[in-house]
Amino acid sequence: MRKINKVLSVVLIATLLIVAGCTKNSSTAGENSAGKTTENPKNSEPRKGGSLVVAYDSDVSNYDPILGNSGNDHPLLYPVFDTLVNYNANLEPQPGLAESWDTPDDKTIILHLRKGVNFHDGTPFNADAVKFNLERVRSKESKVSDLSNVESVEVVDPQTVKLHLKQPDSSIILALSDRSGMMVSPAAVQKFGADFSQNPVGTGPYRMVKWVRNGEIQFEANKDYWQKGLPYLDKITAKIMPDENTRLNALKSGQVQFYWNVSPDNSQVLKNDKNIVLDSKMKVAFYNIYLNTKMAPFDKKEVRQALQYAIDRDALVKALTFGEGESANQTFPSDYWAASPDMKIKYDPEKSKELLKQAGVENVKFDMFAPTAPFYQRLAEAIKGQVKEAGFTINIQPMELTKGVALYFNEKQLPANLTAWTGRPDPQQTISLFLGGKGFYNVGGETTPKKEELISKAAASYDQKERAKLYGEINEIAMAEEAMTIPIMFTPSTAAMSPKVKGFEGTLLGKPKFSYLWLEQ
């Protein structure tokens, strides 16, 4: 049986060859027994007590894990809800509420649960609670689809749960580190009903005690937390501050001690501030132009391929991120195990022109949605300037993110959408949702029989090397042959904090965990 475990403001010029390199920040970190990351004890010793104020860029969409719909929710959910599986900085599965798991065959997963864990309301966490939660994830009211291949959940004994799968699905282990694995109290769900999201109860290191919509969220330490010695802090307050300059000023003035999502512009400035510590790590999220392959002009493969070759990704990275980003030639960044080391999309405007001629056109015009956020607008203008040489004219349609996403994914009214793929804990989730023929984010349903066969093979394998090889082949077909989507760049997630804040480590998922931070005196 096998044991499983996301510049100074850049002036855009036609060539976009401004180069300002910089080194990537990293933090020294180790890992505790439950897969949480804490600062290296050789450098400093964690201490108990104190309150931390965090500036975060958006409010949680819903405090019921199965009803939320924003990828930004997770950092505000993690303090309250432990997950069945954790992940480390490199997105490798680690023990969580499940101490271990077995896969006796490719359609069975056995979870071995921790003993002595209680929910915040004092009710026990056990196999019955897991069955309740997983069946709730699979219910009609749930917005979470990661467990669609689970046929049934069996309680073997109080500490053992067996998942029976409809078909092999290697993504499920790490899906249990996401919303699917966030354990809520069955008693609290039954008690509060539709009001559970106002009264969330999990097993996490903190209890949510106050929630002011778009204002702040207050967490108090769970004194009965199952991990000995944790949490370190008595209280965490998350201040919702959508504007980055507001977050930055709050950090500098001491109103907050930690702020998330530092832009490349501010990162350059803060590097020279001795009163601020930066932590930066590349993430699996990436900027991407989604193409509706059922709408003109992208119903022609040659047009899509031409657009793929018309973009100078390296120049965009240098100009817009001071070289901190990474060109996206596939769905995974280079330092992720699922990435193919051989994938490279060349910048070749002459080849792009040839492909357009093959398609019977010389000049192509299309509308492209881009969110109104400054970075998106700069990126959109930069791409527009680059692809003009090959014969493309882009009509940028700036609009609020939610509206643009709805017009593209739900109403299917736009041929192109410049936003970002926010990533998932397991690469199979990205492959299926993003590149699969029936994937929600593949609006045009573009695929080939060979690609679908490879996706099924990857889903059936728990061998990391085999999976990585298959993902490389899938990306080659999706990006080079089909050109079904246009990846642009990966950018790091960066946190800025007071030097007194200790224990933080970024992860490839790019979703910070505040729960295990502590304050130096």
Protein backbone atom coordinates (compact mmCIF):
# COMPACT_ATOMS: atom_id res chain seq x y z
CA MET A 1 0.00 0.00 0.00
CA ARG A 2 1.23 3.48 -0.84
CA LYS A 3 1.43 6.43 1.59
CA ILE A 4 0.22 9.54 0.03
CA ASN A 5 1.24 13.18 1.22
CA LYS A 6 0.82 34.82 -7.59
CA VAL A 7 8.01 48.42 -10.85
CA LEU A 8 7.93 51.37 -10.11
CA SER A 9 4.99 52.22 -12.35
CA VAL A 10 6.19 51.15 -15.75
CA VAL A 11 5.91 53.47 -18.72
CA LEU A 12 4.85 51.17 -21.50
CA ILE A 13 6.81 51.70 -24.68
CA ALA A 14 6.44 49.81 -27.91
CA THR A 15 9.42 47.55 -27.38
CA LEU A 16 8.76 46.75 -23.70
CA LEU A 17 12.40 45.91 -23.19
CA ILE A 18 12.92 47.74 -19.92
CA VAL A 19 14.98 45.47 -17.74
CA ALA A 20 15.35 45.82 -14.03
CA GLY A 21 16.37 42.54 -12.47
CA CYS A 22 16.18 41.65 -8.85
CA THR A 23 16.72 38.67 -6.65
CA LYS A 24 13.86 36.68 -5.19
CA ASN A 25 13.30 36.82 -1.45
CA SER A 26 12.88 33.67 0.49
CA SER A 27 12.43 32.74 4.11
CA THR A 28 14.14 30.13 6.21
CA ALA A 29 11.55 27.75 7.50
CA GLY A 30 11.05 24.34 8.92
CA GLU A 31 8.01 22.15 9.34
CA ASN A 32 6.23 20.99 12.46
CA SER A 33 4.59 17.61 12.90
CA ALA A 34 1.28 18.64 11.37
CA GLY A 35 2.69 20.08 8.19
CA LYS A 36 2.38 23.73 9.30
CA THR A 37 5.38 25.90 8.69
CA THR A 38 7.14 27.89 11.38
CA GLU A 39 10.32 29.90 11.42
CA ASN A 40 13.50 27.93 11.96
CA PRO A 41 13.84 27.42 15.74
CA LYS A 42 17.61 27.81 15.39
CA ASN A 43 17.05 31.47 14.61
CA SER A 44 14.34 32.24 17.14
CA GLU A 45 12.10 30.53 19.66
CA PRO A 46 8.32 30.96 19.36
CA ARG A 47 6.64 32.74 22.24
CA LYS A 48 3.05 32.75 23.44
CA GLY A 49 0.71 35.72 23.73
CA GLY A 50 0.00 39.01 22.04
CA SER A 51 -2.35 40.28 19.32
CA LEU A 52 -1.67 40.58 15.62
CA VAL A 53 -3.45 42.89 13.17
CA VAL A 54 -3.37 41.80 9.53
CA ALA A 55 -4.34 43.89 6.50
CA TYR A 56 -6.05 41.76 3.87
CA ASP A 57 -7.35 42.78 0.45
CA SER A 58 -10.86 41.28 0.43
CA ASP A 59 -13.56 40.04 2.74
CA VAL A 60 -14.53 36.39 2.90
CA SER A 61 -17.41 35.63 0.52
CA ASN A 62 -19.02 33.16 2.95
CA TYR A 63 -17.94 31.58 6.23
CA ASP A 64 -19.47 28.28 5.22
CA PRO A 65 -16.64 26.58 3.26
CA ILE A 66 -18.99 24.86 0.81
CA LEU A 67 -20.83 28.08 -0.08
CA GLY A 68 -17.93 30.47 -0.69
CA ASN A 69 -16.86 31.26 -4.25
CA SER A 70 -13.67 33.31 -3.96
CA GLY A 71 -10.12 32.01 -4.12
CA ASN A 72 -9.19 34.80 -1.69
CA ASP A 73 -11.34 33.30 1.09
CA HIS A 74 -8.90 30.68 2.27
CA PRO A 75 -6.60 32.76 4.51
CA LEU A 76 -9.68 33.90 6.45
CA LEU A 77 -11.08 30.36 6.65
CA TYR A 78 -7.87 28.60 7.73
CA PRO A 79 -7.88 29.96 11.32
CA VAL A 80 -11.35 28.51 11.97
CA PHE A 81 -11.34 25.29 9.97
CA ASP A 82 -8.66 22.61 10.05
CA THR A 83 -8.50 20.45 6.94
CA LEU A 84 -8.24 16.68 6.67
CA VAL A 85 -4.97 17.07 4.75
CA ASN A 86 -2.39 19.86 4.93
CA TYR A 87 0.27 20.88 2.43
CA ASN A 88 3.80 22.19 2.79
CA ALA A 89 5.44 25.13 0.99
CA ASN A 90 5.89 23.01 -2.15
CA LEU A 91 2.29 21.76 -2.20
CA GLU A 92 3.15 18.25 -1.10
CA PRO A 93 0.45 16.62 1.07
CA GLN A 94 1.03 16.54 4.83
CA PRO A 95 -0.97 15.12 7.75
CA GLY A 96 -3.86 17.21 9.02
CA LEU A 97 -6.94 15.95 10.83
CA ALA A 98 -6.14 12.76 8.97
CA GLU A 99 -2.87 11.46 10.43
CA SER A 100 -2.29 9.28 7.40
CA TRP A 101 -4.02 7.68 4.42
CA ASP A 102 -3.74 4.56 2.29
CA THR A 103 -4.67 3.79 -1.31
CA PRO A 104 -5.06 0.00 -1.44
CA ASP A 105 -6.25 0.39 -5.04
CA ASP A 106 -6.78 3.32 -7.41
CA LYS A 107 -10.48 3.64 -6.50
CA THR A 108 -10.17 3.49 -2.70
CA ILE A 109 -8.76 5.99 -0.20
CA ILE A 110 -8.64 5.16 3.50
CA LEU A 111 -8.26 8.06 5.96
CA HIS A 112 -6.89 7.44 9.46
CA LEU A 113 -8.11 10.22 11.74
CA ARG A 114 -6.57 11.88 14.79
CA LYS A 115 -7.90 11.03 18.21
CA GLY A 116 -8.85 13.50 20.91
CA VAL A 117 -9.89 16.37 18.61
CA ASN A 118 -13.00 18.43 19.40
CA PHE A 119 -14.87 21.14 17.53
CA HIS A 120 -15.09 24.60 19.10
CA ASP A 121 -18.52 23.71 20.50
CA GLY A 122 -17.07 20.74 22.39
CA THR A 123 -18.53 18.05 20.14
CA PRO A 124 -16.12 15.31 19.01
CA PHE A 125 -14.36 15.15 15.67
CA ASN A 126 -14.61 11.57 14.43
CA ALA A 127 -15.45 9.45 11.40
CA ASP A 128 -19.16 10.29 11.61
CA ALA A 129 -18.29 14.00 11.44
CA VAL A 130 -16.06 13.38 8.41
CA LYS A 131 -18.82 11.45 6.64
CA PHE A 132 -21.26 14.29 7.42
CA ASN A 133 -18.85 16.86 6.00
CA LEU A 134 -17.89 14.97 2.85
CA GLU A 135 -21.51 14.19 2.01
CA ARG A 136 -22.31 17.86 2.57
CA VAL A 137 -19.53 18.82 0.12
CA ARG A 138 -21.15 16.50 -2.44
CA SER A 139 -24.68 17.83 -1.85
CA LYS A 140 -26.69 19.98 -4.28
CA GLU A 141 -26.27 23.11 -2.15
CA SER A 142 -22.49 22.89 -2.31
CA LYS A 143 -20.46 25.05 -4.71
CA VAL A 144 -17.48 22.70 -4.37
CA SER A 145 -17.03 20.10 -7.10
CA ASP A 146 -13.67 18.57 -6.14
CA LEU A 147 -15.24 15.36 -4.80
CA SER A 148 -17.44 14.58 -7.80
CA ASN A 149 -15.62 11.28 -8.27
CA VAL A 150 -16.42 10.10 -4.73
CA GLU A 151 -19.21 7.54 -4.99
CA SER A 152 -19.70 6.91 -1.28
CA VAL A 153 -18.18 7.54 2.16
CA GLU A 154 -17.96 4.63 4.57
CA VAL A 155 -17.38 4.83 8.34
CA VAL A 156 -15.14 1.89 9.20
CA ASP A 157 -14.69 2.79 12.86
CA PRO A 158 -14.59 6.05 14.89
CA GLN A 159 -11.10 6.89 13.57
CA THR A 160 -11.27 5.44 10.04
CA VAL A 161 -13.11 6.56 6.91
CA LYS A 162 -13.07 4.85 3.53
CA LEU A 163 -13.75 6.76 0.30
CA HIS A 164 -15.07 4.70 -2.61
CA LEU A 165 -14.40 6.40 -5.95
CA LYS A 166 -16.40 6.18 -9.17
CA GLN A 167 -13.14 6.35 -11.10
CA PRO A 168 -9.49 6.92 -10.22
CA ASP A 169 -8.80 10.50 -9.12
CA SER A 170 -5.36 11.31 -7.74
CA SER A 171 -6.39 14.93 -7.01
CA ILE A 172 -8.63 13.98 -4.10
CA ILE A 173 -5.85 13.74 -1.50
CA LEU A 174 -4.85 17.38 -1.91
CA ALA A 175 -8.45 18.44 -2.58
CA LEU A 176 -8.92 17.54 1.08
CA SER A 177 -6.54 20.39 1.95
CA ASP A 178 -8.96 22.79 0.26
CA ARG A 179 -12.62 23.61 0.93
CA SER A 180 -13.55 19.94 0.54
CA GLY A 181 -11.46 19.04 3.58
CA MET A 182 -12.48 21.91 5.87
CA MET A 183 -14.29 20.26 8.75
CA VAL A 184 -17.34 22.01 10.20
CA SER A 185 -19.23 20.95 13.32
CA PRO A 186 -22.26 18.83 12.36
CA ALA A 187 -23.99 19.95 15.56
CA ALA A 188 -23.46 23.62 14.71
CA VAL A 189 -24.78 23.15 11.16
CA GLN A 190 -27.90 21.50 12.55
CA LYS A 191 -28.27 24.18 15.26
CA PHE A 192 -27.77 27.30 13.12
CA GLY A 193 -28.99 26.07 9.74
CA ALA A 194 -28.87 28.90 7.17
CA ASP A 195 -27.18 31.10 9.79
CA PHE A 196 -24.14 28.82 10.14
CA SER A 197 -22.00 31.21 8.11
CA GLN A 198 -22.58 33.83 10.82
CA ASN A 199 -21.65 31.31 13.49
CA PRO A 200 -18.85 29.17 12.01
CA VAL A 201 -17.59 26.30 14.14
CA GLY A 202 -14.55 24.22 13.22
CA THR A 203 -11.63 22.55 14.98
CA GLY A 204 -9.13 25.27 14.02
CA PRO A 205 -6.65 27.14 16.20
CA TYR A 206 -8.93 30.19 16.39
CA ARG A 207 -12.61 30.93 16.86
CA MET A 208 -14.22 33.65 14.78
CA VAL A 209 -15.82 35.98 17.35
CA LYS A 210 -16.70 39.06 15.28
CA TRP A 211 -17.32 39.72 11.60
CA VAL A 212 -18.05 43.19 10.28
CA ARG A 213 -18.73 42.87 6.56
CA ASN A 214 -15.96 44.57 4.55
CA GLY A 215 -14.61 45.93 7.81
CA GLU A 216 -12.79 43.48 10.04
CA ILE A 217 -12.80 39.93 11.36
CA GLN A 218 -11.69 39.07 14.88
CA PHE A 219 -10.29 35.69 15.90
CA GLU A 220 -9.59 34.50 19.44
CA ALA A 221 -7.31 31.61 20.34
CA ASN A 222 -8.86 28.17 20.75
CA LYS A 223 -7.44 27.30 24.17
CA ASP A 224 -8.40 23.66 23.68
CA TYR A 225 -6.66 23.29 20.34
CA TRP A 226 -5.43 19.77 19.66
CA GLN A 227 -1.89 20.76 18.65
CA LYS A 228 0.07 21.22 21.85
CA GLY A 229 1.50 24.71 22.30
CA LEU A 230 -0.54 26.22 19.47
CA PRO A 231 -1.73 28.75 18.64
CA TYR A 232 0.86 31.25 19.82
CA LEU A 233 -1.20 34.44 19.60
CA ASP A 234 -4.15 35.34 21.82
CA LYS A 235 -5.94 37.27 19.11
CA ILE A 236 -5.77 38.01 15.38
CA THR A 237 -7.70 40.84 13.73
CA ALA A 238 -7.99 40.90 9.94
CA LYS A 239 -8.66 44.41 8.60
CA ILE A 240 -10.24 44.40 5.14
CA MET A 241 -8.38 46.96 3.01
CA PRO A 242 -8.91 46.52 -0.76
CA ASP A 243 -6.61 49.45 -1.67
CA GLU A 244 -2.95 48.45 -1.47
CA ASN A 245 -1.69 51.91 -0.58
CA THR A 246 -4.03 51.87 2.40
CA ARG A 247 -2.52 48.55 3.50
CA LEU A 248 0.99 49.86 2.99
CA ASN A 249 0.36 53.05 4.97
CA ALA A 250 -1.29 51.08 7.76
CA LEU A 251 1.82 48.89 8.04
CA LYS A 252 4.20 51.84 8.04
CA SER A 253 2.16 53.67 10.69
CA GLY A 254 1.96 50.60 12.93
CA GLN A 255 -1.83 50.16 12.62
CA VAL A 256 -1.19 46.67 11.24
CA GLN A 257 1.82 44.36 11.56
CA PHE A 258 1.31 42.32 8.38
CA TYR A 259 -0.07 43.03 4.96
CA TRP A 260 -0.67 40.65 2.11
CA ASN A 261 -0.40 40.91 -1.66
CA VAL A 262 2.44 43.39 -2.16
CA SER A 263 2.64 44.58 -5.77
CA PRO A 264 5.93 44.48 -7.71
CA ASP A 265 5.96 48.29 -7.54
CA ASN A 266 5.80 48.45 -3.76
CA SER A 267 8.06 45.43 -3.38
CA GLN A 268 10.90 47.40 -4.98
CA VAL A 269 10.38 50.31 -2.59
CA LEU A 270 10.01 48.21 0.55
CA LYS A 271 13.18 46.20 -0.07
CA ASN A 272 15.19 49.15 1.22
CA ASP A 273 13.05 49.72 4.31
CA LYS A 274 14.83 48.29 7.35
CA ASN A 275 11.60 48.43 9.36
CA ILE A 276 9.79 46.02 7.05
CA VAL A 277 10.43 42.35 6.23
CA LEU A 278 9.35 40.89 2.89
CA ASP A 279 8.59 37.25 2.15
CA SER A 280 8.19 36.35 -1.52
CA LYS A 281 7.53 33.02 -3.20
CA MET A 282 6.45 32.07 -6.72
CA LYS A 283 2.95 30.65 -6.85
CA VAL A 284 0.98 28.33 -9.11
CA ALA A 285 -1.43 31.11 -10.08
CA PHE A 286 -0.65 32.82 -13.37
CA TYR A 287 -1.89 35.57 -15.68
CA ASN A 288 -3.60 34.12 -18.71
CA ILE A 289 -5.67 35.05 -21.74
CA TYR A 290 -8.63 32.67 -21.84
CA LEU A 291 -9.93 32.08 -25.36
CA ASN A 292 -13.46 31.07 -26.31
CA THR A 293 -12.60 28.63 -29.08
CA LYS A 294 -16.20 28.59 -30.31
CA MET A 295 -16.19 32.32 -31.06
CA ALA A 296 -14.49 34.05 -33.97
CA PRO A 297 -11.65 34.70 -34.45
CA PHE A 298 -10.48 31.95 -32.09
CA ASP A 299 -12.54 29.19 -33.66
CA LYS A 300 -9.56 28.85 -36.03
CA LYS A 301 -6.62 27.00 -34.52
CA GLU A 302 -4.06 28.89 -36.65
CA VAL A 303 -5.30 32.21 -35.25
CA ARG A 304 -4.89 30.95 -31.70
CA GLN A 305 -1.42 29.62 -32.47
CA ALA A 306 -0.50 32.96 -34.06
CA LEU A 307 -1.48 34.81 -30.90
CA GLN A 308 0.56 32.35 -28.84
CA TYR A 309 3.74 33.25 -30.81
CA ALA A 310 3.00 37.02 -30.96
CA ILE A 311 3.67 37.63 -27.24
CA ASP A 312 7.14 38.29 -25.82
CA ARG A 313 6.62 36.91 -22.34
CA ASP A 314 10.18 37.52 -21.15
CA ALA A 315 9.92 41.23 -22.01
CA LEU A 316 6.63 41.50 -20.13
CA VAL A 317 8.14 39.90 -17.04
CA LYS A 318 11.14 42.24 -17.10
CA ALA A 319 9.08 45.35 -17.74
CA LEU A 320 6.15 44.76 -15.41
CA THR A 321 7.64 42.81 -12.49
CA PHE A 322 11.28 43.95 -12.37
CA GLY A 323 12.18 40.40 -13.35
CA GLU A 324 10.59 38.92 -10.23
CA GLY A 325 8.04 37.01 -12.27
CA GLU A 326 8.47 34.08 -14.62
CA SER A 327 7.28 33.54 -18.18
CA ALA A 328 4.34 31.14 -18.33
CA ASN A 329 4.89 28.51 -21.00
CA GLN A 330 2.59 25.96 -19.38
CA THR A 331 0.20 25.67 -16.45
CA PHE A 332 2.87 25.24 -13.74
CA PRO A 333 5.86 27.35 -12.59
CA SER A 334 9.34 25.92 -13.09
CA ASP A 335 10.03 25.10 -9.43
CA TYR A 336 6.89 22.97 -9.08
CA TRP A 337 7.26 19.20 -9.40
CA ALA A 338 4.43 19.02 -11.95
CA ALA A 339 6.19 21.37 -14.40
CA SER A 340 7.87 20.15 -17.58
CA PRO A 341 11.46 21.48 -17.85
CA ASP A 342 11.33 21.38 -21.65
CA MET A 343 8.26 23.54 -22.38
CA LYS A 344 8.95 26.90 -24.01
CA ILE A 345 6.68 29.08 -26.14
CA LYS A 346 8.92 31.09 -28.46
CA TYR A 347 8.33 34.72 -29.29
CA ASP A 348 8.19 34.61 -33.09
CA PRO A 349 6.13 37.37 -34.77
CA GLU A 350 7.14 36.18 -38.25
CA LYS A 351 5.77 32.71 -37.54
CA SER A 352 2.67 34.38 -36.16
CA LYS A 353 2.17 36.24 -39.46
CA GLU A 354 2.60 32.99 -41.41
CA LEU A 355 -0.04 31.27 -39.30
CA LEU A 356 -2.50 34.09 -39.90
CA LYS A 357 -1.94 33.73 -43.65
CA GLN A 358 -2.64 30.01 -43.32
CA ALA A 359 -5.91 30.94 -41.64
CA GLY A 360 -6.74 33.17 -44.58
CA VAL A 361 -6.41 36.45 -42.71
CA GLU A 362 -3.73 39.10 -42.27
CA ASN A 363 -5.27 41.34 -39.62
CA VAL A 364 -7.32 40.09 -36.69
CA LYS A 365 -9.40 42.28 -34.38
CA PHE A 366 -10.95 41.05 -31.15
CA ASP A 367 -12.39 42.29 -27.84
CA MET A 368 -10.56 41.34 -24.65
CA PHE A 369 -11.87 41.79 -21.12
CA ALA A 370 -9.31 43.04 -18.59
CA PRO A 371 -10.09 43.95 -14.95
CA THR A 372 -9.80 47.63 -14.04
CA ALA A 373 -6.99 47.01 -11.53
CA PRO A 374 -3.87 48.99 -12.56
CA PHE A 375 -1.59 45.98 -13.08
CA TYR A 376 -4.12 44.25 -15.34
CA GLN A 377 -4.54 47.41 -17.40
CA ARG A 378 -0.77 47.84 -17.81
CA LEU A 379 -0.44 44.19 -18.79
CA ALA A 380 -3.32 44.45 -21.29
CA GLU A 381 -1.81 47.55 -22.91
CA ALA A 382 1.59 45.88 -23.09
CA ILE A 383 0.17 42.79 -24.80
CA LYS A 384 -1.85 44.98 -27.17
CA GLY A 385 1.33 46.81 -28.18
CA GLN A 386 3.30 43.59 -28.73
CA VAL A 387 0.80 41.64 -30.83
CA LYS A 388 0.14 44.58 -33.17
CA GLU A 389 3.35 43.72 -35.04
CA ALA A 390 1.98 40.29 -35.94
CA GLY A 391 -1.33 41.68 -37.20
CA PHE A 392 -3.57 41.60 -34.10
CA THR A 393 -5.65 44.57 -32.95
CA ILE A 394 -7.02 44.22 -29.42
CA ASN A 395 -9.97 46.24 -28.18
CA ILE A 396 -9.43 46.24 -24.42
CA GLN A 397 -12.68 46.21 -22.47
CA PRO A 398 -11.93 47.26 -18.88
CA MET A 399 -14.58 46.37 -16.35
CA GLU A 400 -15.02 45.24 -12.77
CA LEU A 401 -13.65 41.74 -12.23
CA THR A 402 -16.89 40.01 -11.22
CA LYS A 403 -18.81 41.46 -14.17
CA GLY A 404 -16.14 40.56 -16.71
CA VAL A 405 -15.74 37.03 -15.41
CA ALA A 406 -19.52 36.51 -15.56
CA LEU A 407 -19.71 37.80 -19.14
CA TYR A 408 -16.94 35.43 -20.22
CA PHE A 409 -17.49 32.23 -18.25
CA ASN A 410 -21.23 32.29 -17.61
CA GLU A 411 -22.77 34.28 -20.44
CA LYS A 412 -20.01 33.48 -22.96
CA GLN A 413 -20.27 36.90 -24.61
CA LEU A 414 -16.55 37.69 -24.94
CA PRO A 415 -13.95 35.93 -27.12
CA ALA A 416 -11.01 36.69 -24.83
CA ASN A 417 -10.51 37.21 -21.10
CA LEU A 418 -7.27 38.47 -19.54
CA THR A 419 -7.44 37.44 -15.89
CA ALA A 420 -5.61 34.86 -13.83
CA TRP A 421 -5.84 31.19 -13.07
CA THR A 422 -5.65 31.15 -9.27
CA GLY A 423 -4.30 27.60 -9.06
CA ARG A 424 -5.36 24.59 -7.02
CA PRO A 425 -3.59 22.44 -4.40
CA ASP A 426 -3.26 19.47 -6.73
CA PRO A 427 -2.08 19.77 -10.36
CA GLN A 428 -4.77 17.35 -11.54
CA GLN A 429 -7.39 19.89 -10.48
CA THR A 430 -5.78 22.49 -12.72
CA ILE A 431 -5.46 20.06 -15.61
CA SER A 432 -9.07 18.90 -15.40
CA LEU A 433 -10.74 22.27 -14.74
CA PHE A 434 -8.50 24.37 -16.97
CA LEU A 435 -7.47 22.10 -19.86
CA GLY A 436 -10.01 19.27 -19.83
CA GLY A 437 -12.67 19.20 -22.53
CA LYS A 438 -15.43 19.46 -19.93
CA GLY A 439 -13.53 21.78 -17.60
CA PHE A 440 -15.49 24.82 -16.43
CA TYR A 441 -12.66 27.20 -17.38
CA ASN A 442 -12.37 25.75 -20.88
CA VAL A 443 -15.33 27.73 -22.20
CA GLY A 444 -15.00 26.53 -25.78
CA GLY A 445 -14.53 22.89 -24.78
CA GLU A 446 -11.41 22.62 -26.96
CA THR A 447 -9.76 19.20 -26.67
CA THR A 448 -8.49 16.13 -28.48
CA PRO A 449 -9.00 12.41 -27.80
CA LYS A 450 -5.29 12.05 -27.04
CA LYS A 451 -5.35 14.82 -24.46
CA GLU A 452 -8.41 13.34 -22.73
CA GLU A 453 -6.73 9.96 -22.61
CA LEU A 454 -3.66 11.48 -20.96
CA ILE A 455 -5.80 13.38 -18.43
CA SER A 456 -7.51 10.11 -17.44
CA LYS A 457 -4.15 8.35 -17.08
CA ALA A 458 -2.84 11.13 -14.84
CA ALA A 459 -5.95 10.94 -12.67
CA ALA A 460 -5.38 7.22 -12.15
CA SER A 461 -1.76 7.56 -11.03
CA TYR A 462 -0.42 8.32 -7.55
CA ASP A 463 3.19 8.19 -8.77
CA GLN A 464 4.60 11.73 -8.83
CA LYS A 465 7.16 11.14 -11.60
CA GLU A 466 4.61 9.49 -13.86
CA ARG A 467 2.10 12.27 -13.23
CA ALA A 468 4.67 14.98 -14.04
CA LYS A 469 5.51 13.29 -17.34
CA LEU A 470 1.84 13.09 -18.28
CA TYR A 471 1.22 16.72 -17.37
CA GLY A 472 4.08 17.72 -19.67
CA GLU A 473 2.49 15.84 -22.57
CA ILE A 474 -0.92 17.36 -21.80
CA ASN A 475 0.52 20.88 -21.74
CA GLU A 476 2.35 20.31 -25.00
CA ILE A 477 -0.92 19.39 -26.72
CA ALA A 478 -2.95 22.17 -25.05
CA MET A 479 -0.47 25.00 -25.58
CA ALA A 480 1.45 24.13 -28.76
CA GLU A 481 -1.02 22.08 -30.78
CA GLU A 482 -4.41 23.41 -29.67
CA ALA A 483 -3.28 26.84 -28.38
CA MET A 484 -6.51 26.67 -26.42
CA THR A 485 -5.35 29.27 -23.90
CA ILE A 486 -2.57 31.87 -23.75
CA PRO A 487 -0.49 31.69 -20.54
CA ILE A 488 1.41 34.93 -19.88
CA MET A 489 3.36 35.00 -16.61
CA PHE A 490 3.71 33.73 -13.08
CA THR A 491 4.30 36.31 -10.36
CA PRO A 492 5.31 35.73 -6.74
CA SER A 493 3.07 36.26 -3.74
CA THR A 494 4.66 38.73 -1.37
CA ALA A 495 3.90 39.53 2.25
CA ALA A 496 5.19 42.61 4.08
CA MET A 497 5.46 42.57 7.86
CA SER A 498 6.97 44.10 10.94
CA PRO A 499 10.28 42.51 12.00
CA LYS A 500 8.47 41.44 15.18
CA VAL A 501 6.24 39.06 13.20
CA LYS A 502 7.75 35.58 13.09
CA GLY A 503 6.88 32.19 11.70
CA PHE A 504 5.62 33.10 8.25
CA GLU A 505 6.41 31.10 5.14
CA GLY A 506 4.87 31.53 1.72
CA THR A 507 3.68 28.54 -0.28
CA LEU A 508 3.26 27.72 -3.95
CA LEU A 509 -0.50 28.04 -3.51
CA GLY A 510 -0.08 31.73 -2.66
CA LYS A 511 -2.64 31.70 0.15
CA PRO A 512 -1.14 32.83 3.49
CA LYS A 513 -1.71 31.08 6.79
CA PHE A 514 -1.80 33.54 9.70
CA SER A 515 -2.69 30.98 12.35
CA TYR A 516 0.85 29.94 13.29
CA LEU A 517 2.50 33.35 13.45
CA TRP A 518 3.92 34.73 16.68
CA LEU A 519 5.29 38.03 17.93
CA GLU A 520 8.78 38.67 19.17
CA GLN A 521 8.99 40.92 22.25
